[in-house]
Amino acid sequence: MNIFSKLQQDVIARLTATVPTIPSPIPASGTVQWVTEDIGDLANIVTRAIGKVGVVGIVLTPGGGKMYALDHKLPPAFICPLMIQIQENVTVNRGAAGTKISALDLVQFCMKRLHNWSPTNQRLNCLYLEETPFVLIEEYPTLTYNVKFSTGVTIS
């Protein structure tokens, strides 16, 4: 598995783990589905998830960031942006079949659960919130927020 897919899977594992100090929001019904961009038919999976329980979280690695050093003798090391996109169909999510966990509740949960966390317990690859930690992408028909992190990545 490549380092980017591994990072995405580690983030999903962290978001779905039981962490007593930072508890997960409890859905009224159904479950919040967390997926990566690397799962095949992403659009169909997202459409089904927000149609069924009203909310979905997508872990994205949108591109590479600034290189740490341009020394060609060392393996590539750089700052990697990572985004968690929260999509909510407000009508379904706040209705009888929905989780009743708002998109902003999940934005806050992602920030608390992932900021300063490292998949390898090393400072080198801790996830840190970006200067602008979240952004409203779209408000209709699907309420969409991106929560923005960065982390150190070395390809060896």
N, C-alpha and C. Protein backbone atom coordinates (compact mmCIF):
# COMPACT_ATOMS: atom_id res chain seq x y z
N MET A 1 0.86 -1.18 0.00
CA MET A 1 0.00 0.00 0.00
C MET A 1 0.90 1.24 0.00
N ASN A 2 0.53 2.24 -0.79
CA ASN A 2 1.33 3.47 -0.83
C ASN A 2 1.14 4.28 0.44
N ILE A 3 2.05 5.18 0.68
CA ILE A 3 2.08 5.93 1.94
C ILE A 3 0.84 6.83 2.12
N PHE A 4 0.28 7.31 1.02
CA PHE A 4 -0.88 8.20 1.11
C PHE A 4 -2.14 7.41 1.49
N SER A 5 -2.33 6.25 0.86
CA SER A 5 -3.47 5.39 1.21
C SER A 5 -3.35 4.90 2.65
N LYS A 6 -2.14 4.57 3.07
CA LYS A 6 -1.90 4.13 4.45
C LYS A 6 -2.27 5.25 5.42
N LEU A 7 -1.87 6.47 5.12
CA LEU A 7 -2.21 7.62 5.96
C LEU A 7 -3.72 7.78 6.06
N GLN A 8 -4.42 7.67 4.93
CA GLN A 8 -5.87 7.79 4.93
C GLN A 8 -6.51 6.70 5.80
N GLN A 9 -6.04 5.48 5.66
CA GLN A 9 -6.58 4.37 6.46
C GLN A 9 -6.30 4.57 7.96
N ASP A 10 -5.11 5.08 8.28
CA ASP A 10 -4.77 5.37 9.68
C ASP A 10 -5.69 6.43 10.26
N VAL A 11 -6.01 7.44 9.47
CA VAL A 11 -6.91 8.51 9.93
C VAL A 11 -8.31 7.95 10.17
N ILE A 12 -8.80 7.12 9.27
CA ILE A 12 -10.12 6.51 9.47
C ILE A 12 -10.12 5.63 10.71
N ALA A 13 -9.04 4.88 10.91
CA ALA A 13 -8.94 4.04 12.11
C ALA A 13 -9.00 4.90 13.37
N ARG A 14 -8.35 6.05 13.35
CA ARG A 14 -8.36 6.96 14.50
C ARG A 14 -9.77 7.53 14.73
N LEU A 15 -10.44 7.91 13.64
CA LEU A 15 -11.78 8.50 13.76
C LEU A 15 -12.81 7.50 14.25
N THR A 16 -12.61 6.21 13.96
CA THR A 16 -13.58 5.19 14.35
C THR A 16 -13.18 4.45 15.63
N ALA A 17 -12.01 4.74 16.17
CA ALA A 17 -11.54 4.07 17.39
C ALA A 17 -12.28 4.59 18.61
N THR A 18 -12.20 3.83 19.68
CA THR A 18 -12.74 4.27 20.96
C THR A 18 -11.63 5.01 21.70
N VAL A 19 -11.84 6.30 21.89
CA VAL A 19 -10.86 7.14 22.60
C VAL A 19 -11.62 7.80 23.76
N PRO A 20 -11.44 7.30 24.97
CA PRO A 20 -12.22 7.82 26.10
C PRO A 20 -12.06 9.32 26.34
N THR A 21 -10.89 9.87 26.05
CA THR A 21 -10.68 11.30 26.31
C THR A 21 -11.33 12.19 25.26
N ILE A 22 -11.59 11.63 24.07
CA ILE A 22 -12.26 12.38 23.00
C ILE A 22 -13.34 11.47 22.41
N PRO A 23 -14.49 11.38 23.08
CA PRO A 23 -15.52 10.43 22.63
C PRO A 23 -16.12 10.82 21.28
N SER A 24 -16.51 9.80 20.53
CA SER A 24 -17.19 10.01 19.25
C SER A 24 -18.61 10.48 19.49
N PRO A 25 -19.15 11.32 18.60
CA PRO A 25 -20.57 11.67 18.70
C PRO A 25 -21.41 10.41 18.52
N ILE A 26 -22.49 10.31 19.26
CA ILE A 26 -23.34 9.11 19.21
C ILE A 26 -24.52 9.38 18.28
N PRO A 27 -24.61 8.58 17.20
CA PRO A 27 -25.72 8.79 16.26
C PRO A 27 -27.05 8.32 16.83
N ALA A 28 -28.12 9.05 16.49
CA ALA A 28 -29.47 8.66 16.91
C ALA A 28 -29.88 7.38 16.19
N SER A 29 -29.46 7.24 14.94
CA SER A 29 -29.70 6.00 14.20
C SER A 29 -28.65 5.90 13.10
N GLY A 30 -28.38 4.68 12.67
CA GLY A 30 -27.35 4.47 11.65
C GLY A 30 -25.96 4.75 12.20
N THR A 31 -24.99 4.87 11.30
CA THR A 31 -23.62 5.20 11.68
C THR A 31 -23.05 6.19 10.69
N VAL A 32 -22.09 6.96 11.14
CA VAL A 32 -21.38 7.86 10.24
C VAL A 32 -20.39 7.00 9.46
N GLN A 33 -20.46 7.07 8.15
CA GLN A 33 -19.54 6.30 7.31
C GLN A 33 -18.33 7.16 6.96
N TRP A 34 -17.12 6.62 7.19
CA TRP A 34 -15.87 7.29 6.86
C TRP A 34 -15.25 6.53 5.70
N VAL A 35 -14.93 7.23 4.61
CA VAL A 35 -14.36 6.59 3.42
C VAL A 35 -13.16 7.39 2.93
N THR A 36 -12.40 6.79 2.03
CA THR A 36 -11.29 7.50 1.40
C THR A 36 -11.64 7.77 -0.05
N GLU A 37 -10.86 8.63 -0.67
CA GLU A 37 -11.09 8.94 -2.08
C GLU A 37 -10.68 7.79 -2.98
N ASP A 38 -9.99 6.80 -2.42
CA ASP A 38 -9.40 5.72 -3.19
C ASP A 38 -10.22 4.44 -3.09
N ILE A 39 -11.53 4.54 -3.19
CA ILE A 39 -12.37 3.36 -3.00
C ILE A 39 -13.14 2.95 -4.24
N GLY A 40 -12.86 3.54 -5.37
CA GLY A 40 -13.59 3.18 -6.58
C GLY A 40 -14.64 4.22 -6.90
N ASP A 41 -15.89 3.83 -6.83
CA ASP A 41 -16.99 4.71 -7.21
C ASP A 41 -17.37 5.62 -6.04
N LEU A 42 -16.54 6.60 -5.78
CA LEU A 42 -16.73 7.50 -4.64
C LEU A 42 -18.07 8.23 -4.70
N ALA A 43 -18.41 8.75 -5.86
CA ALA A 43 -19.66 9.53 -5.99
C ALA A 43 -20.88 8.69 -5.60
N ASN A 44 -20.92 7.44 -6.04
CA ASN A 44 -22.05 6.57 -5.72
C ASN A 44 -22.10 6.24 -4.23
N ILE A 45 -20.95 5.97 -3.62
CA ILE A 45 -20.89 5.65 -2.19
C ILE A 45 -21.34 6.84 -1.35
N VAL A 46 -20.88 8.04 -1.72
CA VAL A 46 -21.27 9.25 -0.99
C VAL A 46 -22.77 9.50 -1.15
N THR A 47 -23.28 9.37 -2.36
CA THR A 47 -24.71 9.58 -2.61
C THR A 47 -25.56 8.63 -1.79
N ARG A 48 -25.16 7.35 -1.73
CA ARG A 48 -25.92 6.37 -0.94
C ARG A 48 -25.84 6.69 0.56
N ALA A 49 -24.65 7.06 1.03
CA ALA A 49 -24.49 7.34 2.47
C ALA A 49 -25.31 8.54 2.91
N ILE A 50 -25.26 9.64 2.15
CA ILE A 50 -26.03 10.82 2.58
C ILE A 50 -27.52 10.65 2.29
N GLY A 51 -27.86 9.73 1.39
CA GLY A 51 -29.27 9.43 1.15
C GLY A 51 -29.86 8.54 2.23
N LYS A 52 -29.02 7.70 2.85
CA LYS A 52 -29.49 6.74 3.85
C LYS A 52 -29.51 7.34 5.26
N VAL A 53 -28.36 7.84 5.74
CA VAL A 53 -28.30 8.38 7.10
C VAL A 53 -28.04 9.88 7.13
N GLY A 54 -27.73 10.47 5.98
CA GLY A 54 -27.63 11.92 5.88
C GLY A 54 -26.26 12.53 6.02
N VAL A 55 -25.22 11.74 6.36
CA VAL A 55 -23.91 12.34 6.55
C VAL A 55 -22.82 11.33 6.22
N VAL A 56 -21.69 11.85 5.71
CA VAL A 56 -20.54 11.01 5.37
C VAL A 56 -19.27 11.83 5.57
N GLY A 57 -18.18 11.16 5.92
CA GLY A 57 -16.87 11.80 6.03
C GLY A 57 -15.92 11.17 5.04
N ILE A 58 -15.19 11.99 4.29
CA ILE A 58 -14.27 11.51 3.26
C ILE A 58 -12.87 12.01 3.60
N VAL A 59 -11.91 11.09 3.66
CA VAL A 59 -10.53 11.46 3.94
C VAL A 59 -9.82 11.63 2.60
N LEU A 60 -9.25 12.83 2.38
CA LEU A 60 -8.63 13.17 1.11
C LEU A 60 -7.17 13.58 1.29
N THR A 61 -6.33 13.23 0.34
CA THR A 61 -4.97 13.79 0.28
C THR A 61 -4.88 14.53 -1.06
N PRO A 62 -5.14 15.82 -1.04
CA PRO A 62 -5.30 16.57 -2.29
C PRO A 62 -4.02 16.88 -3.05
N GLY A 63 -2.87 16.66 -2.46
CA GLY A 63 -1.63 16.95 -3.19
C GLY A 63 -0.46 17.08 -2.25
N GLY A 64 0.70 17.22 -2.80
CA GLY A 64 1.91 17.37 -1.99
C GLY A 64 2.12 18.82 -1.61
N GLY A 65 2.84 19.02 -0.54
CA GLY A 65 3.14 20.36 -0.08
C GLY A 65 4.61 20.68 -0.24
N LYS A 66 5.09 21.58 0.58
CA LYS A 66 6.46 22.06 0.50
C LYS A 66 7.46 20.97 0.90
N MET A 67 8.53 20.84 0.10
CA MET A 67 9.59 19.88 0.39
C MET A 67 10.38 20.37 1.60
N TYR A 68 10.85 19.43 2.43
CA TYR A 68 11.69 19.80 3.56
C TYR A 68 13.08 20.21 3.10
N ALA A 69 13.64 19.46 2.16
CA ALA A 69 14.99 19.74 1.67
C ALA A 69 15.10 19.23 0.24
N LEU A 70 15.90 19.89 -0.54
CA LEU A 70 16.08 19.47 -1.92
C LEU A 70 17.40 18.73 -2.09
N ASP A 71 17.75 17.92 -1.12
CA ASP A 71 18.95 17.10 -1.17
C ASP A 71 18.60 15.80 -1.88
N HIS A 72 19.19 15.59 -3.05
CA HIS A 72 18.84 14.44 -3.87
C HIS A 72 19.40 13.13 -3.33
N LYS A 73 20.18 13.19 -2.25
CA LYS A 73 20.72 11.98 -1.63
C LYS A 73 19.75 11.41 -0.59
N LEU A 74 18.80 12.22 -0.15
CA LEU A 74 17.85 11.81 0.87
C LEU A 74 16.52 11.41 0.24
N PRO A 75 15.74 10.55 0.90
CA PRO A 75 14.41 10.23 0.37
C PRO A 75 13.52 11.46 0.39
N PRO A 76 12.56 11.54 -0.51
CA PRO A 76 11.66 12.71 -0.54
C PRO A 76 10.89 12.85 0.77
N ALA A 77 10.96 14.04 1.35
CA ALA A 77 10.23 14.35 2.58
C ALA A 77 9.55 15.70 2.40
N PHE A 78 8.27 15.77 2.73
CA PHE A 78 7.54 17.00 2.49
C PHE A 78 6.35 17.11 3.42
N ILE A 79 5.76 18.29 3.43
CA ILE A 79 4.54 18.53 4.19
C ILE A 79 3.37 18.11 3.30
N CYS A 80 2.58 17.20 3.79
CA CYS A 80 1.46 16.66 3.01
C CYS A 80 0.15 17.20 3.55
N PRO A 81 -0.63 17.91 2.72
CA PRO A 81 -1.95 18.33 3.17
C PRO A 81 -2.89 17.13 3.25
N LEU A 82 -3.78 17.16 4.21
CA LEU A 82 -4.78 16.12 4.37
C LEU A 82 -6.09 16.81 4.72
N MET A 83 -7.16 16.42 4.05
CA MET A 83 -8.46 17.04 4.32
C MET A 83 -9.48 15.98 4.68
N ILE A 84 -10.34 16.34 5.59
CA ILE A 84 -11.50 15.53 5.92
C ILE A 84 -12.70 16.32 5.42
N GLN A 85 -13.40 15.76 4.45
CA GLN A 85 -14.58 16.45 3.92
C GLN A 85 -15.82 15.84 4.56
N ILE A 86 -16.64 16.69 5.15
CA ILE A 86 -17.89 16.27 5.77
C ILE A 86 -19.03 16.73 4.87
N GLN A 87 -19.85 15.79 4.42
CA GLN A 87 -21.01 16.12 3.60
C GLN A 87 -22.28 15.72 4.34
N GLU A 88 -23.22 16.65 4.41
CA GLU A 88 -24.47 16.40 5.13
C GLU A 88 -25.67 16.79 4.28
N ASN A 89 -26.60 15.84 4.12
CA ASN A 89 -27.92 16.14 3.58
C ASN A 89 -28.75 16.47 4.82
N VAL A 90 -28.93 17.74 5.07
CA VAL A 90 -29.53 18.20 6.32
C VAL A 90 -30.92 17.62 6.53
N THR A 91 -31.73 17.56 5.48
CA THR A 91 -33.10 17.06 5.60
C THR A 91 -33.11 15.61 6.05
N VAL A 92 -32.29 14.77 5.45
CA VAL A 92 -32.24 13.35 5.82
C VAL A 92 -31.57 13.18 7.18
N ASN A 93 -30.44 13.85 7.40
CA ASN A 93 -29.67 13.66 8.62
C ASN A 93 -30.43 14.09 9.87
N ARG A 94 -31.21 15.14 9.78
CA ARG A 94 -31.93 15.62 10.96
C ARG A 94 -33.32 14.97 11.07
N GLY A 95 -33.66 14.12 10.08
CA GLY A 95 -34.95 13.42 10.09
C GLY A 95 -34.89 12.13 10.88
N ALA A 96 -35.94 11.32 10.78
CA ALA A 96 -36.08 10.09 11.57
C ALA A 96 -34.98 9.07 11.28
N ALA A 97 -34.53 8.95 10.04
CA ALA A 97 -33.53 7.94 9.67
C ALA A 97 -32.10 8.44 9.84
N GLY A 98 -31.93 9.71 10.14
CA GLY A 98 -30.59 10.30 10.17
C GLY A 98 -29.84 10.10 11.48
N THR A 99 -28.57 10.44 11.45
CA THR A 99 -27.72 10.31 12.64
C THR A 99 -28.00 11.43 13.65
N LYS A 100 -28.50 12.55 13.16
CA LYS A 100 -28.74 13.76 13.96
C LYS A 100 -27.42 14.36 14.49
N ILE A 101 -26.31 13.98 13.89
CA ILE A 101 -25.01 14.58 14.19
C ILE A 101 -24.75 15.59 13.08
N SER A 102 -24.72 16.86 13.40
CA SER A 102 -24.57 17.89 12.36
C SER A 102 -23.17 17.87 11.77
N ALA A 103 -23.05 18.44 10.59
CA ALA A 103 -21.75 18.54 9.92
C ALA A 103 -20.75 19.29 10.80
N LEU A 104 -21.20 20.37 11.43
CA LEU A 104 -20.29 21.14 12.29
C LEU A 104 -19.86 20.35 13.54
N ASP A 105 -20.74 19.49 14.05
CA ASP A 105 -20.34 18.61 15.16
C ASP A 105 -19.20 17.68 14.70
N LEU A 106 -19.30 17.17 13.49
CA LEU A 106 -18.25 16.28 12.96
C LEU A 106 -16.98 17.06 12.64
N VAL A 107 -17.12 18.30 12.19
CA VAL A 107 -15.94 19.15 11.97
C VAL A 107 -15.18 19.30 13.29
N GLN A 108 -15.89 19.64 14.35
CA GLN A 108 -15.27 19.81 15.66
C GLN A 108 -14.67 18.49 16.14
N PHE A 109 -15.37 17.40 15.96
CA PHE A 109 -14.88 16.08 16.37
C PHE A 109 -13.56 15.75 15.66
N CYS A 110 -13.50 15.98 14.36
CA CYS A 110 -12.27 15.71 13.60
C CYS A 110 -11.11 16.55 14.12
N MET A 111 -11.38 17.81 14.40
CA MET A 111 -10.32 18.68 14.92
C MET A 111 -9.79 18.15 16.25
N LYS A 112 -10.70 17.81 17.16
CA LYS A 112 -10.29 17.35 18.48
C LYS A 112 -9.58 16.00 18.42
N ARG A 113 -10.09 15.08 17.58
CA ARG A 113 -9.56 13.72 17.54
C ARG A 113 -8.23 13.63 16.79
N LEU A 114 -8.02 14.50 15.80
CA LEU A 114 -6.83 14.35 14.95
C LEU A 114 -5.71 15.36 15.19
N HIS A 115 -6.03 16.55 15.70
CA HIS A 115 -4.98 17.56 15.90
C HIS A 115 -3.95 17.06 16.91
N ASN A 116 -2.70 17.14 16.53
CA ASN A 116 -1.58 16.73 17.39
C ASN A 116 -1.45 15.22 17.53
N TRP A 117 -2.14 14.45 16.71
CA TRP A 117 -2.08 12.99 16.75
C TRP A 117 -1.13 12.51 15.65
N SER A 118 -0.42 11.45 15.95
CA SER A 118 0.50 10.85 14.98
C SER A 118 0.17 9.37 14.80
N PRO A 119 0.09 8.90 13.55
CA PRO A 119 -0.19 7.48 13.34
C PRO A 119 0.96 6.58 13.81
N THR A 120 2.16 7.13 13.98
CA THR A 120 3.31 6.33 14.43
C THR A 120 3.84 6.79 15.79
N ASN A 121 3.10 7.67 16.45
CA ASN A 121 3.51 8.21 17.75
C ASN A 121 4.86 8.93 17.70
N GLN A 122 5.11 9.61 16.60
CA GLN A 122 6.33 10.40 16.45
C GLN A 122 5.94 11.82 16.05
N ARG A 123 6.70 12.80 16.56
CA ARG A 123 6.41 14.20 16.24
C ARG A 123 6.55 14.49 14.75
N LEU A 124 7.42 13.77 14.08
CA LEU A 124 7.69 14.03 12.67
C LEU A 124 6.43 13.99 11.81
N ASN A 125 5.51 13.09 12.13
CA ASN A 125 4.32 12.99 11.29
C ASN A 125 3.02 13.23 12.06
N CYS A 126 3.07 14.13 13.04
CA CYS A 126 1.84 14.56 13.71
C CYS A 126 0.95 15.31 12.73
N LEU A 127 -0.35 15.16 12.90
CA LEU A 127 -1.28 15.95 12.12
C LEU A 127 -1.52 17.26 12.87
N TYR A 128 -1.45 18.36 12.14
CA TYR A 128 -1.70 19.67 12.71
C TYR A 128 -2.76 20.38 11.88
N LEU A 129 -3.64 21.09 12.56
CA LEU A 129 -4.64 21.90 11.83
C LEU A 129 -3.93 22.99 11.05
N GLU A 130 -4.46 23.29 9.88
CA GLU A 130 -3.93 24.37 9.06
C GLU A 130 -4.30 25.72 9.68
N GLU A 131 -3.71 26.78 9.13
CA GLU A 131 -3.98 28.14 9.63
C GLU A 131 -5.47 28.47 9.57
N THR A 132 -6.12 28.05 8.48
CA THR A 132 -7.57 28.14 8.37
C THR A 132 -8.08 26.72 8.53
N PRO A 133 -8.50 26.31 9.73
CA PRO A 133 -8.74 24.90 10.01
C PRO A 133 -9.93 24.26 9.29
N PHE A 134 -10.95 25.04 8.99
CA PHE A 134 -12.06 24.45 8.22
C PHE A 134 -12.69 25.51 7.35
N VAL A 135 -13.37 25.02 6.32
CA VAL A 135 -13.93 25.93 5.33
C VAL A 135 -15.27 25.38 4.85
N LEU A 136 -16.25 26.25 4.69
CA LEU A 136 -17.53 25.86 4.10
C LEU A 136 -17.34 25.80 2.59
N ILE A 137 -17.59 24.64 2.01
CA ILE A 137 -17.42 24.44 0.57
C ILE A 137 -18.73 24.69 -0.18
N GLU A 138 -19.81 24.16 0.39
CA GLU A 138 -21.10 24.24 -0.29
C GLU A 138 -22.19 24.18 0.78
N GLU A 139 -23.25 24.93 0.58
CA GLU A 139 -24.34 24.86 1.55
C GLU A 139 -25.62 24.27 0.98
N TYR A 140 -25.70 24.14 -0.35
CA TYR A 140 -26.88 23.55 -0.97
C TYR A 140 -26.47 22.84 -2.23
N PRO A 141 -26.95 21.69 -2.56
CA PRO A 141 -27.95 20.88 -1.87
C PRO A 141 -27.36 20.06 -0.71
N THR A 142 -26.04 19.89 -0.70
CA THR A 142 -25.39 19.14 0.37
C THR A 142 -24.48 20.09 1.14
N LEU A 143 -24.68 20.19 2.44
CA LEU A 143 -23.84 21.02 3.29
C LEU A 143 -22.46 20.34 3.38
N THR A 144 -21.42 21.05 2.93
CA THR A 144 -20.09 20.44 2.83
C THR A 144 -19.04 21.33 3.46
N TYR A 145 -18.26 20.73 4.37
CA TYR A 145 -17.12 21.41 5.00
C TYR A 145 -15.86 20.60 4.76
N ASN A 146 -14.73 21.29 4.63
CA ASN A 146 -13.43 20.64 4.61
C ASN A 146 -12.68 21.04 5.87
N VAL A 147 -12.16 20.04 6.60
CA VAL A 147 -11.30 20.26 7.75
C VAL A 147 -9.89 20.00 7.27
N LYS A 148 -8.98 20.98 7.46
CA LYS A 148 -7.67 20.92 6.82
C LYS A 148 -6.54 20.70 7.83
N PHE A 149 -5.75 19.68 7.54
CA PHE A 149 -4.58 19.32 8.35
C PHE A 149 -3.36 19.27 7.45
N SER A 150 -2.20 19.21 8.08
CA SER A 150 -0.98 18.89 7.34
C SER A 150 -0.14 17.97 8.23
N THR A 151 0.70 17.18 7.58
CA THR A 151 1.55 16.24 8.29
C THR A 151 2.84 16.02 7.50
N GLY A 152 3.86 15.61 8.18
CA GLY A 152 5.12 15.30 7.51
C GLY A 152 5.08 13.91 6.91
N VAL A 153 5.58 13.78 5.69
CA VAL A 153 5.61 12.49 4.99
C VAL A 153 7.00 12.29 4.41
N THR A 154 7.54 11.10 4.58
CA THR A 154 8.81 10.72 3.95
C THR A 154 8.56 9.47 3.14
N ILE A 155 8.92 9.52 1.88
CA ILE A 155 8.79 8.35 1.00
C ILE A 155 10.14 7.66 0.96
N SER A 156 10.19 6.47 1.54
CA SER A 156 11.47 5.75 1.56
C SER A 156 11.36 4.42 0.85
